Amino acid sequence: MKSKNVKTLAVCLLTICLSLSCFAQKERVEISKVYISGICVPMQQLPSKMADIYYNMYEESLEFDSCVFYKQEDGVRMLVSYAHREDTVIRFTVLAECQGDASILEAQPSITCTCEGTCTSGCSPEYLTKTGEWICTDCKRYSSPTPICKKTVTVVSGPDNPIKSSQSPVTIAYKKQCIPMENVPAVMTEIYNQERGKKFTLDVNEMMLQENAKIESNTILDVCEVVFQEDGHVLMVAHGQEDSLNVHFAIPMTLKNDCYQIDEKPTTTCTCYGECQRGCSPVYKGGYEWECTECAYPENIETTCIKKVTARLPEGGNQR
């Protein structure tokens, strides 16, 4: 009898340990600001925006109840959007880049995972860093009928676009020191606030918008992303907001000693200001030449995208 009690206790302890280990594998991340392809999205609109992304991928309409950011033990962060279809729970998941209390997502994510299950616990998405694969965890605690857990993984090749974000971590250097990506927004904010005090050259087509392009002095850029253009140029692009405008501030970077360098005083920068839901992103053409991609809207609304460029010659030269 005593032996039976010991075995029962051992099983209970094992169950508790397994539950704790599963719980430890993923923790909730508190995010207060989200950017989808650089465009700031109010948190209350995030479920509907994820429903749009889901529909564009699967051509199926879903109404997501909530969205939660998680971090795995290995540091991978993801956004899980929850929906219900009768007795089935749907978890639509995309990888997320989180920096402080802000996060950046892609409007056309390169890979997603959907876990659909009838179990009350389990069937949750997990990303395997070593293999780049997704799994859905096994169903736990259930009653008859036997629960199911279905996994769908979609790899998307987006439209031909010269702007492509990094899919793997890169090393960033500033003032000859390596810095983590979560510290880059503060660096880009400092450079941005210094640069806009310099002389700007305004895109000829936007001269009429000079007055509307005036900016305040306390702008904070929330998130940054490394962008690899198809022509080989590599940019650091920071995103923020000024009044109703989304701000996209870009600096070209150079690769030195396996690190991408952010210059304290970059020779050229570009800022694209827009009210777009997509677009108005900086594209570097080399030298001092930049473009801002066109605005895109789901409905007929007048587009606004303002471009400002700073350009200077090396020390001792004249300002362009």
C-alpha atoms as a PDB file:
ATOM      1  CA  MET A   1       0.000   0.000   0.000  1.00  0.00           C
ATOM      2  CA  LYS A   2       2.842   2.263   0.953  1.00  0.00           C
ATOM      3  CA  SER A   3       4.580   1.494  -2.380  1.00  0.00           C
ATOM      4  CA  LYS A   4       1.404   2.411  -4.262  1.00  0.00           C
ATOM      5  CA  ASN A   5       1.204   5.767  -2.469  1.00  0.00           C
ATOM      6  CA  VAL A   6       4.840   6.498  -3.302  1.00  0.00           C
ATOM      7  CA  LYS A   7       4.213   5.764  -6.979  1.00  0.00           C
ATOM      8  CA  THR A   8       1.123   7.978  -6.967  1.00  0.00           C
ATOM      9  CA  LEU A   9       3.101  10.803  -5.369  1.00  0.00           C
ATOM     10  CA  ALA A  10       5.889  10.376  -7.918  1.00  0.00           C
ATOM     11  CA  VAL A  11       3.423  10.580 -10.802  1.00  0.00           C
ATOM     12  CA  CYS A  12       1.872  13.728  -9.328  1.00  0.00           C
ATOM     13  CA  LEU A  13       5.270  15.352  -8.872  1.00  0.00           C
ATOM     14  CA  LEU A  14       6.244  14.431 -12.437  1.00  0.00           C
ATOM     15  CA  THR A  15       3.002  15.927 -13.749  1.00  0.00           C
ATOM     16  CA  ILE A  16       3.609  19.129 -11.812  1.00  0.00           C
ATOM     17  CA  CYS A  17       7.200  19.352 -13.081  1.00  0.00           C
ATOM     18  CA  LEU A  18       6.095  18.824 -16.668  1.00  0.00           C
ATOM     19  CA  SER A  19       3.411  21.482 -16.282  1.00  0.00           C
ATOM     20  CA  LEU A  20       5.923  23.940 -14.869  1.00  0.00           C
ATOM     21  CA  SER A  21       8.468  23.192 -17.585  1.00  0.00           C
ATOM     22  CA  CYS A  22       5.820  23.726 -20.281  1.00  0.00           C
ATOM     23  CA  PHE A  23       4.782  26.973 -18.625  1.00  0.00           C
ATOM     24  CA  ALA A  24       8.395  28.124 -18.447  1.00  0.00           C
ATOM     25  CA  GLN A  25       8.864  27.621 -22.169  1.00  0.00           C
ATOM     26  CA  LYS A  26       6.701  30.623 -23.028  1.00  0.00           C
ATOM     27  CA  GLU A  27       5.964  33.843 -21.164  1.00  0.00           C
ATOM     28  CA  ARG A  28       3.688  36.717 -22.001  1.00  0.00           C
ATOM     29  CA  VAL A  29       5.295  39.949 -23.267  1.00  0.00           C
ATOM     30  CA  GLU A  30       3.618  43.272 -22.532  1.00  0.00           C
ATOM     31  CA  ILE A  31       3.526  45.423 -25.670  1.00  0.00           C
ATOM     32  CA  SER A  32       1.972  48.898 -25.805  1.00  0.00           C
ATOM     33  CA  LYS A  33       2.684  49.895 -29.417  1.00  0.00           C
ATOM     34  CA  VAL A  34       2.631  47.822 -32.621  1.00  0.00           C
ATOM     35  CA  TYR A  35       3.895  48.650 -36.108  1.00  0.00           C
ATOM     36  CA  ILE A  36       2.788  46.572 -39.098  1.00  0.00           C
ATOM     37  CA  SER A  37       5.320  47.079 -41.907  1.00  0.00           C
ATOM     38  CA  GLY A  38       6.341  50.328 -40.211  1.00  0.00           C
ATOM     39  CA  ILE A  39       2.793  51.699 -39.828  1.00  0.00           C
ATOM     40  CA  CYS A  40       1.591  52.276 -36.265  1.00  0.00           C
ATOM     41  CA  VAL A  41      -1.577  50.341 -35.439  1.00  0.00           C
ATOM     42  CA  PRO A  42      -3.666  51.068 -32.297  1.00  0.00           C
ATOM     43  CA  MET A  43      -3.680  48.042 -30.002  1.00  0.00           C
ATOM     44  CA  GLN A  44      -7.479  47.815 -30.104  1.00  0.00           C
ATOM     45  CA  GLN A  45      -7.317  47.446 -33.905  1.00  0.00           C
ATOM     46  CA  LEU A  46      -4.705  44.675 -33.834  1.00  0.00           C
ATOM     47  CA  PRO A  47      -7.190  41.725 -33.915  1.00  0.00           C
ATOM     48  CA  SER A  48      -8.922  43.143 -37.015  1.00  0.00           C
ATOM     49  CA  LYS A  49      -5.561  43.823 -38.708  1.00  0.00           C
ATOM     50  CA  MET A  50      -4.483  40.229 -38.043  1.00  0.00           C
ATOM     51  CA  ALA A  51      -7.824  39.072 -39.465  1.00  0.00           C
ATOM     52  CA  ASP A  52      -6.973  40.984 -42.658  1.00  0.00           C
ATOM     53  CA  ILE A  53      -3.570  39.289 -42.844  1.00  0.00           C
ATOM     54  CA  TYR A  54      -5.166  35.883 -42.230  1.00  0.00           C
ATOM     55  CA  TYR A  55      -7.762  36.482 -44.950  1.00  0.00           C
ATOM     56  CA  ASN A  56      -5.100  37.578 -47.454  1.00  0.00           C
ATOM     57  CA  MET A  57      -3.249  34.318 -46.838  1.00  0.00           C
ATOM     58  CA  TYR A  58      -6.079  31.790 -46.551  1.00  0.00           C
ATOM     59  CA  GLU A  59      -9.087  33.599 -48.125  1.00  0.00           C
ATOM     60  CA  GLU A  60     -11.082  32.725 -45.019  1.00  0.00           C
ATOM     61  CA  SER A  61     -12.826  35.285 -42.829  1.00  0.00           C
ATOM     62  CA  LEU A  62     -12.131  34.964 -39.105  1.00  0.00           C
ATOM     63  CA  GLU A  63     -12.938  37.274 -36.240  1.00  0.00           C
ATOM     64  CA  PHE A  64     -10.061  37.197 -33.762  1.00  0.00           C
ATOM     65  CA  ASP A  65     -11.008  37.694 -30.115  1.00  0.00           C
ATOM     66  CA  SER A  66      -7.608  38.751 -28.850  1.00  0.00           C
ATOM     67  CA  CYS A  67      -3.901  38.962 -29.650  1.00  0.00           C
ATOM     68  CA  VAL A  68      -1.095  38.100 -27.219  1.00  0.00           C
ATOM     69  CA  PHE A  69       2.673  38.489 -27.542  1.00  0.00           C
ATOM     70  CA  TYR A  70       4.817  35.661 -26.140  1.00  0.00           C
ATOM     71  CA  LYS A  71       8.517  34.964 -25.652  1.00  0.00           C
ATOM     72  CA  GLN A  72       9.943  31.456 -25.743  1.00  0.00           C
ATOM     73  CA  GLU A  73      12.809  30.364 -23.495  1.00  0.00           C
ATOM     74  CA  ASP A  74      15.191  30.679 -26.441  1.00  0.00           C
ATOM     75  CA  GLY A  75      14.216  34.338 -26.905  1.00  0.00           C
ATOM     76  CA  VAL A  76      11.973  33.892 -29.958  1.00  0.00           C
ATOM     77  CA  ARG A  77       9.015  36.267 -29.788  1.00  0.00           C
ATOM     78  CA  MET A  78       5.695  35.739 -31.506  1.00  0.00           C
ATOM     79  CA  LEU A  79       2.190  37.138 -31.761  1.00  0.00           C
ATOM     80  CA  VAL A  80      -0.660  34.672 -31.296  1.00  0.00           C
ATOM     81  CA  SER A  81      -4.138  35.734 -32.471  1.00  0.00           C
ATOM     82  CA  TYR A  82      -7.070  33.724 -31.079  1.00  0.00           C
ATOM     83  CA  ALA A  83     -10.370  32.905 -32.801  1.00  0.00           C
ATOM     84  CA  HIS A  84     -13.164  30.365 -32.229  1.00  0.00           C
ATOM     85  CA  ARG A  85     -15.108  28.270 -34.721  1.00  0.00           C
ATOM     86  CA  GLU A  86     -17.772  26.279 -32.832  1.00  0.00           C
ATOM     87  CA  ASP A  87     -15.744  24.020 -30.496  1.00  0.00           C
ATOM     88  CA  THR A  88     -12.415  24.691 -32.245  1.00  0.00           C
ATOM     89  CA  VAL A  89      -9.830  27.182 -30.986  1.00  0.00           C
ATOM     90  CA  ILE A  90      -7.693  28.720 -33.750  1.00  0.00           C
ATOM     91  CA  ARG A  91      -4.272  30.156 -32.930  1.00  0.00           C
ATOM     92  CA  PHE A  92      -2.797  32.138 -35.839  1.00  0.00           C
ATOM     93  CA  THR A  93       0.863  32.910 -35.170  1.00  0.00           C
ATOM     94  CA  VAL A  94       3.547  35.129 -36.678  1.00  0.00           C
ATOM     95  CA  LEU A  95       7.067  35.870 -35.510  1.00  0.00           C
ATOM     96  CA  ALA A  96       7.492  39.322 -33.964  1.00  0.00           C
ATOM     97  CA  GLU A  97      10.425  41.660 -33.470  1.00  0.00           C
ATOM     98  CA  CYS A  98      10.032  43.262 -30.018  1.00  0.00           C
ATOM     99  CA  GLN A  99      12.091  46.208 -28.832  1.00  0.00           C
ATOM    100  CA  GLY A 100      11.201  47.477 -25.381  1.00  0.00           C
ATOM    101  CA  ASP A 101       7.418  47.833 -25.177  1.00  0.00           C
ATOM    102  CA  ALA A 102       7.037  48.143 -28.972  1.00  0.00           C
ATOM    103  CA  SER A 103       6.857  45.482 -31.663  1.00  0.00           C
ATOM    104  CA  ILE A 104       7.091  45.352 -35.440  1.00  0.00           C
ATOM    105  CA  LEU A 105       5.257  42.867 -37.678  1.00  0.00           C
ATOM    106  CA  GLU A 106       5.061  42.355 -41.430  1.00  0.00           C
ATOM    107  CA  ALA A 107       1.850  42.924 -43.405  1.00  0.00           C
ATOM    108  CA  GLN A 108       2.879  39.947 -45.536  1.00  0.00           C
ATOM    109  CA  PRO A 109       4.768  37.673 -43.116  1.00  0.00           C
ATOM    110  CA  SER A 110       7.201  35.289 -44.757  1.00  0.00           C
ATOM    111  CA  ILE A 111       6.041  32.363 -42.622  1.00  0.00           C
ATOM    112  CA  THR A 112       3.076  31.748 -40.330  1.00  0.00           C
ATOM    113  CA  CYS A 113       1.712  28.864 -38.274  1.00  0.00           C
ATOM    114  CA  THR A 114      -1.905  28.069 -37.430  1.00  0.00           C
ATOM    115  CA  CYS A 115      -2.835  25.548 -34.742  1.00  0.00           C
ATOM    116  CA  GLU A 116      -6.506  24.461 -34.682  1.00  0.00           C
ATOM    117  CA  GLY A 117      -7.653  22.231 -31.849  1.00  0.00           C
ATOM    118  CA  THR A 118     -10.647  21.045 -29.879  1.00  0.00           C
ATOM    119  CA  CYS A 119      -8.625  20.363 -26.729  1.00  0.00           C
ATOM    120  CA  THR A 120      -8.965  22.551 -23.643  1.00  0.00           C
ATOM    121  CA  SER A 121      -5.186  22.733 -23.165  1.00  0.00           C
ATOM    122  CA  GLY A 122      -2.281  22.351 -25.582  1.00  0.00           C
ATOM    123  CA  CYS A 123      -2.294  22.674 -29.377  1.00  0.00           C
ATOM    124  CA  SER A 124      -0.169  25.810 -29.020  1.00  0.00           C
ATOM    125  CA  PRO A 125       2.364  27.022 -31.605  1.00  0.00           C
ATOM    126  CA  GLU A 126       6.091  26.732 -30.904  1.00  0.00           C
ATOM    127  CA  TYR A 127       8.966  27.733 -33.162  1.00  0.00           C
ATOM    128  CA  LEU A 128      12.027  25.442 -33.349  1.00  0.00           C
ATOM    129  CA  THR A 129      14.975  27.762 -33.761  1.00  0.00           C
ATOM    130  CA  LYS A 130      17.498  25.079 -34.736  1.00  0.00           C
ATOM    131  CA  THR A 131      15.476  23.770 -37.675  1.00  0.00           C
ATOM    132  CA  GLY A 132      13.296  26.791 -38.502  1.00  0.00           C
ATOM    133  CA  GLU A 133      10.187  24.602 -38.143  1.00  0.00           C
ATOM    134  CA  TRP A 134       6.886  25.095 -36.346  1.00  0.00           C
ATOM    135  CA  ILE A 135       5.112  22.544 -34.161  1.00  0.00           C
ATOM    136  CA  CYS A 136       1.757  22.502 -32.400  1.00  0.00           C
ATOM    137  CA  THR A 137       2.040  21.112 -28.868  1.00  0.00           C
ATOM    138  CA  ASP A 138       0.073  17.988 -27.968  1.00  0.00           C
ATOM    139  CA  CYS A 139      -3.431  18.198 -26.565  1.00  0.00           C
ATOM    140  CA  LYS A 140      -3.650  17.906 -22.778  1.00  0.00           C
ATOM    141  CA  ARG A 141      -6.532  17.545 -20.297  1.00  0.00           C
ATOM    142  CA  TYR A 142      -9.578  16.514 -22.256  1.00  0.00           C
ATOM    143  CA  SER A 143     -12.748  14.484 -22.123  1.00  0.00           C
ATOM    144  CA  SER A 144     -14.595  12.479 -24.768  1.00  0.00           C
ATOM    145  CA  PRO A 145     -14.650  12.804 -27.747  1.00  0.00           C
ATOM    146  CA  THR A 146     -10.933  12.548 -28.475  1.00  0.00           C
ATOM    147  CA  PRO A 147      -9.553  16.021 -29.223  1.00  0.00           C
ATOM    148  CA  ILE A 148      -7.738  16.923 -32.405  1.00  0.00           C
ATOM    149  CA  CYS A 149      -4.903  19.327 -33.133  1.00  0.00           C
ATOM    150  CA  LYS A 150      -4.225  20.378 -36.720  1.00  0.00           C
ATOM    151  CA  LYS A 151      -1.186  22.350 -37.879  1.00  0.00           C
ATOM    152  CA  THR A 152      -0.979  24.559 -40.968  1.00  0.00           C
ATOM    153  CA  VAL A 153       2.261  26.295 -41.923  1.00  0.00           C
ATOM    154  CA  THR A 154       2.346  28.752 -44.796  1.00  0.00           C
ATOM    155  CA  VAL A 155       5.477  30.133 -46.427  1.00  0.00           C
ATOM    156  CA  VAL A 156       4.781  33.276 -48.403  1.00  0.00           C
ATOM    157  CA  SER A 157       6.814  34.820 -51.191  1.00  0.00           C
ATOM    158  CA  GLY A 158       5.662  38.417 -51.144  1.00  0.00           C
ATOM    159  CA  PRO A 159       5.318  40.711 -54.173  1.00  0.00           C
ATOM    160  CA  ASP A 160       8.436  42.008 -55.872  1.00  0.00           C
ATOM    161  CA  ASN A 161       9.546  44.704 -53.449  1.00  0.00           C
ATOM    162  CA  PRO A 162      13.034  46.209 -53.071  1.00  0.00           C
ATOM    163  CA  ILE A 163      12.521  46.424 -49.304  1.00  0.00           C
ATOM    164  CA  LYS A 164      13.119  43.184 -47.441  1.00  0.00           C
ATOM    165  CA  SER A 165      13.637  42.951 -43.678  1.00  0.00           C
ATOM    166  CA  SER A 166      16.296  40.781 -42.131  1.00  0.00           C
ATOM    167  CA  GLN A 167      15.111  37.267 -41.237  1.00  0.00           C
ATOM    168  CA  SER A 168      18.081  36.543 -38.962  1.00  0.00           C
ATOM    169  CA  PRO A 169      19.914  38.483 -36.221  1.00  0.00           C
ATOM    170  CA  VAL A 170      22.698  40.798 -37.375  1.00  0.00           C
ATOM    171  CA  THR A 171      25.398  42.541 -35.355  1.00  0.00           C
ATOM    172  CA  ILE A 172      25.044  46.325 -35.098  1.00  0.00           C
ATOM    173  CA  ALA A 173      27.902  48.646 -34.132  1.00  0.00           C
ATOM    174  CA  TYR A 174      27.698  52.290 -33.043  1.00  0.00           C
ATOM    175  CA  LYS A 175      30.655  54.407 -31.898  1.00  0.00           C
ATOM    176  CA  LYS A 176      32.881  51.329 -32.426  1.00  0.00           C
ATOM    177  CA  GLN A 177      30.867  49.241 -29.960  1.00  0.00           C
ATOM    178  CA  CYS A 178      28.383  46.444 -30.615  1.00  0.00           C
ATOM    179  CA  ILE A 179      24.903  47.224 -29.343  1.00  0.00           C
ATOM    180  CA  PRO A 180      21.804  45.006 -29.017  1.00  0.00           C
ATOM    181  CA  MET A 181      18.901  45.667 -31.362  1.00  0.00           C
ATOM    182  CA  GLU A 182      16.706  46.793 -28.465  1.00  0.00           C
ATOM    183  CA  ASN A 183      19.079  49.767 -27.943  1.00  0.00           C
ATOM    184  CA  VAL A 184      19.048  50.846 -31.593  1.00  0.00           C
ATOM    185  CA  PRO A 185      15.768  52.880 -31.417  1.00  0.00           C
ATOM    186  CA  ALA A 186      17.353  55.218 -28.840  1.00  0.00           C
ATOM    187  CA  VAL A 187      20.429  55.652 -31.073  1.00  0.00           C
ATOM    188  CA  MET A 188      18.307  56.331 -34.170  1.00  0.00           C
ATOM    189  CA  THR A 189      16.145  58.785 -32.203  1.00  0.00           C
ATOM    190  CA  GLU A 190      19.246  60.721 -31.174  1.00  0.00           C
ATOM    191  CA  ILE A 191      20.587  60.847 -34.729  1.00  0.00           C
ATOM    192  CA  TYR A 192      17.162  61.774 -36.111  1.00  0.00           C
ATOM    193  CA  ASN A 193      16.724  64.689 -33.727  1.00  0.00           C
ATOM    194  CA  GLN A 194      20.229  65.920 -34.607  1.00  0.00           C
ATOM    195  CA  GLU A 195      19.792  65.514 -38.351  1.00  0.00           C
ATOM    196  CA  ARG A 196      16.504  67.324 -38.743  1.00  0.00           C
ATOM    197  CA  GLY A 197      18.148  70.410 -37.300  1.00  0.00           C
ATOM    198  CA  LYS A 198      20.403  70.403 -40.381  1.00  0.00           C
ATOM    199  CA  LYS A 199      19.520  71.762 -43.795  1.00  0.00           C
ATOM    200  CA  PHE A 200      16.998  69.520 -45.567  1.00  0.00           C
ATOM    201  CA  THR A 201      16.463  69.132 -49.286  1.00  0.00           C
ATOM    202  CA  LEU A 202      12.808  68.479 -50.032  1.00  0.00           C
ATOM    203  CA  ASP A 203      11.533  66.386 -52.900  1.00  0.00           C
ATOM    204  CA  VAL A 204      10.493  68.795 -55.670  1.00  0.00           C
ATOM    205  CA  ASN A 205       7.049  67.238 -55.973  1.00  0.00           C
ATOM    206  CA  GLU A 206       6.382  67.896 -52.288  1.00  0.00           C
ATOM    207  CA  MET A 207       7.382  71.573 -52.053  1.00  0.00           C
ATOM    208  CA  MET A 208       3.752  72.557 -51.489  1.00  0.00           C
ATOM    209  CA  LEU A 209       3.721  70.410 -48.334  1.00  0.00           C
ATOM    210  CA  GLN A 210       6.640  72.126 -46.574  1.00  0.00           C
ATOM    211  CA  GLU A 211       4.449  73.828 -44.003  1.00  0.00           C
ATOM    212  CA  ASN A 212       2.604  70.598 -43.226  1.00  0.00           C
ATOM    213  CA  ALA A 213       5.935  68.813 -42.795  1.00  0.00           C
ATOM    214  CA  LYS A 214       7.033  70.872 -39.775  1.00  0.00           C
ATOM    215  CA  ILE A 215       7.951  68.637 -36.878  1.00  0.00           C
ATOM    216  CA  GLU A 216       8.302  68.851 -33.124  1.00  0.00           C
ATOM    217  CA  SER A 217      11.570  68.443 -31.216  1.00  0.00           C
ATOM    218  CA  ASN A 218      10.695  65.509 -28.960  1.00  0.00           C
ATOM    219  CA  THR A 219      10.057  62.703 -31.443  1.00  0.00           C
ATOM    220  CA  ILE A 220      10.793  59.176 -30.198  1.00  0.00           C
ATOM    221  CA  LEU A 221      11.372  56.392 -32.719  1.00  0.00           C
ATOM    222  CA  ASP A 222       9.998  53.172 -31.239  1.00  0.00           C
ATOM    223  CA  VAL A 223      11.248  50.283 -33.367  1.00  0.00           C
ATOM    224  CA  CYS A 224      13.984  49.623 -35.918  1.00  0.00           C
ATOM    225  CA  GLU A 225      14.578  47.052 -38.621  1.00  0.00           C
ATOM    226  CA  VAL A 226      17.497  46.110 -40.827  1.00  0.00           C
ATOM    227  CA  VAL A 227      16.447  46.278 -44.481  1.00  0.00           C
ATOM    228  CA  PHE A 228      18.349  44.495 -47.257  1.00  0.00           C
ATOM    229  CA  GLN A 229      17.542  46.011 -50.644  1.00  0.00           C
ATOM    230  CA  GLU A 230      17.770  43.904 -53.777  1.00  0.00           C
ATOM    231  CA  ASP A 231      20.456  46.228 -55.166  1.00  0.00           C
ATOM    232  CA  GLY A 232      22.759  45.387 -52.235  1.00  0.00           C
ATOM    233  CA  HIS A 233      22.245  48.488 -50.080  1.00  0.00           C
ATOM    234  CA  VAL A 234      21.616  47.780 -46.404  1.00  0.00           C
ATOM    235  CA  LEU A 235      19.575  50.254 -44.340  1.00  0.00           C
ATOM    236  CA  MET A 236      18.668  50.793 -40.741  1.00  0.00           C
ATOM    237  CA  VAL A 237      15.072  52.039 -40.744  1.00  0.00           C
ATOM    238  CA  ALA A 238      13.452  53.452 -37.597  1.00  0.00           C
ATOM    239  CA  HIS A 239       9.710  53.963 -37.208  1.00  0.00           C
ATOM    240  CA  GLY A 240       7.753  56.387 -35.039  1.00  0.00           C
ATOM    241  CA  GLN A 241       4.906  58.885 -35.062  1.00  0.00           C
ATOM    242  CA  GLU A 242       4.495  62.652 -35.218  1.00  0.00           C
ATOM    243  CA  ASP A 243       0.913  63.788 -34.741  1.00  0.00           C
ATOM    244  CA  SER A 244      -1.093  61.867 -37.379  1.00  0.00           C
ATOM    245  CA  LEU A 245       1.948  61.026 -39.512  1.00  0.00           C
ATOM    246  CA  ASN A 246       3.976  57.829 -39.455  1.00  0.00           C
ATOM    247  CA  VAL A 247       7.711  58.517 -39.555  1.00  0.00           C
ATOM    248  CA  HIS A 248      10.232  56.267 -41.334  1.00  0.00           C
ATOM    249  CA  PHE A 249      13.840  57.410 -40.835  1.00  0.00           C
ATOM    250  CA  ALA A 250      16.564  55.573 -42.787  1.00  0.00           C
ATOM    251  CA  ILE A 251      20.370  55.481 -42.744  1.00  0.00           C
ATOM    252  CA  PRO A 252      22.606  53.440 -45.076  1.00  0.00           C
ATOM    253  CA  MET A 253      24.923  51.046 -43.227  1.00  0.00           C
ATOM    254  CA  THR A 254      28.289  49.555 -44.143  1.00  0.00           C
ATOM    255  CA  LEU A 255      29.642  46.141 -43.187  1.00  0.00           C
ATOM    256  CA  LYS A 256      32.950  46.288 -41.294  1.00  0.00           C
ATOM    257  CA  ASN A 257      34.485  43.406 -39.353  1.00  0.00           C
ATOM    258  CA  ASP A 258      31.242  41.409 -39.567  1.00  0.00           C
ATOM    259  CA  CYS A 259      29.290  44.314 -38.017  1.00  0.00           C
ATOM    260  CA  TYR A 260      26.856  46.698 -39.684  1.00  0.00           C
ATOM    261  CA  GLN A 261      27.962  50.205 -38.736  1.00  0.00           C
ATOM    262  CA  ILE A 262      25.624  53.069 -37.823  1.00  0.00           C
ATOM    263  CA  ASP A 263      27.503  56.340 -38.423  1.00  0.00           C
ATOM    264  CA  GLU A 264      27.231  59.063 -35.811  1.00  0.00           C
ATOM    265  CA  LYS A 265      27.046  61.647 -38.585  1.00  0.00           C
ATOM    266  CA  PRO A 266      25.725  59.830 -41.657  1.00  0.00           C
ATOM    267  CA  THR A 267      26.495  61.486 -44.995  1.00  0.00           C
ATOM    268  CA  THR A 268      22.905  61.010 -46.130  1.00  0.00           C
ATOM    269  CA  THR A 269      19.599  60.119 -44.510  1.00  0.00           C
ATOM    270  CA  CYS A 270      15.982  60.006 -45.630  1.00  0.00           C
ATOM    271  CA  THR A 271      12.751  60.541 -43.733  1.00  0.00           C
ATOM    272  CA  CYS A 272       9.384  59.578 -45.206  1.00  0.00           C
ATOM    273  CA  TYR A 273       6.293  60.996 -43.469  1.00  0.00           C
ATOM    274  CA  GLY A 274       2.919  59.521 -44.388  1.00  0.00           C
ATOM    275  CA  GLU A 275      -0.660  58.833 -43.383  1.00  0.00           C
ATOM    276  CA  CYS A 276      -0.638  55.660 -45.450  1.00  0.00           C
ATOM    277  CA  GLN A 277      -1.758  52.284 -44.197  1.00  0.00           C
ATOM    278  CA  ARG A 278       1.031  50.793 -46.313  1.00  0.00           C
ATOM    279  CA  GLY A 279       3.903  52.324 -48.240  1.00  0.00           C
ATOM    280  CA  CYS A 280       5.776  55.632 -47.819  1.00  0.00           C
ATOM    281  CA  SER A 281       8.924  53.618 -47.047  1.00  0.00           C
ATOM    282  CA  PRO A 282      12.448  54.919 -47.786  1.00  0.00           C
ATOM    283  CA  VAL A 283      14.380  53.358 -50.673  1.00  0.00           C
ATOM    284  CA  TYR A 284      18.063  54.222 -51.132  1.00  0.00           C
ATOM    285  CA  LYS A 285      19.307  54.780 -54.688  1.00  0.00           C
ATOM    286  CA  GLY A 286      22.955  55.473 -53.835  1.00  0.00           C
ATOM    287  CA  GLY A 287      24.849  58.723 -53.349  1.00  0.00           C
ATOM    288  CA  TYR A 288      22.374  61.284 -52.042  1.00  0.00           C
ATOM    289  CA  GLU A 289      19.367  59.929 -53.949  1.00  0.00           C
ATOM    290  CA  TRP A 290      16.317  58.459 -52.179  1.00  0.00           C
ATOM    291  CA  GLU A 291      12.717  57.576 -52.942  1.00  0.00           C
ATOM    292  CA  CYS A 292       9.640  56.993 -50.787  1.00  0.00           C
ATOM    293  CA  THR A 293       7.348  54.191 -51.932  1.00  0.00           C
ATOM    294  CA  GLU A 294       3.785  55.127 -52.826  1.00  0.00           C
ATOM    295  CA  CYS A 295       0.978  55.191 -50.268  1.00  0.00           C
ATOM    296  CA  ALA A 296      -1.621  52.438 -50.359  1.00  0.00           C
ATOM    297  CA  TYR A 297      -5.156  52.574 -48.983  1.00  0.00           C
ATOM    298  CA  PRO A 298      -8.027  50.059 -48.961  1.00  0.00           C
ATOM    299  CA  GLU A 299     -10.459  52.831 -49.931  1.00  0.00           C
ATOM    300  CA  ASN A 300     -10.409  56.034 -51.943  1.00  0.00           C
ATOM    301  CA  ILE A 301      -8.649  58.414 -49.566  1.00  0.00           C
ATOM    302  CA  GLU A 302      -6.248  61.142 -50.623  1.00  0.00           C
ATOM    303  CA  THR A 303      -2.672  59.947 -50.166  1.00  0.00           C
ATOM    304  CA  THR A 304      -0.009  61.850 -48.277  1.00  0.00           C
ATOM    305  CA  CYS A 305       3.672  60.965 -48.349  1.00  0.00           C
ATOM    306  CA  ILE A 306       6.335  63.612 -47.711  1.00  0.00           C
ATOM    307  CA  LYS A 307      10.040  63.015 -48.354  1.00  0.00           C
ATOM    308  CA  LYS A 308      12.907  64.856 -46.657  1.00  0.00           C
ATOM    309  CA  VAL A 309      16.557  64.156 -47.370  1.00  0.00           C
ATOM    310  CA  THR A 310      19.687  65.329 -45.580  1.00  0.00           C
ATOM    311  CA  ALA A 311      22.932  65.360 -47.525  1.00  0.00           C
ATOM    312  CA  ARG A 312      26.371  66.517 -46.505  1.00  0.00           C
ATOM    313  CA  LEU A 313      29.898  66.145 -47.807  1.00  0.00           C
ATOM    314  CA  PRO A 314      32.720  64.795 -45.634  1.00  0.00           C
ATOM    315  CA  GLU A 315      34.282  67.121 -43.023  1.00  0.00           C
ATOM    316  CA  GLY A 316      35.791  70.184 -44.685  1.00  0.00           C
ATOM    317  CA  GLY A 317      33.422  69.967 -47.687  1.00  0.00           C
ATOM    318  CA  ASN A 318      30.388  72.090 -48.473  1.00  0.00           C
ATOM    319  CA  GLN A 319      26.823  71.175 -47.575  1.00  0.00           C
ATOM    320  CA  ARG A 320      24.972  69.962 -50.636  1.00  0.00           C
END
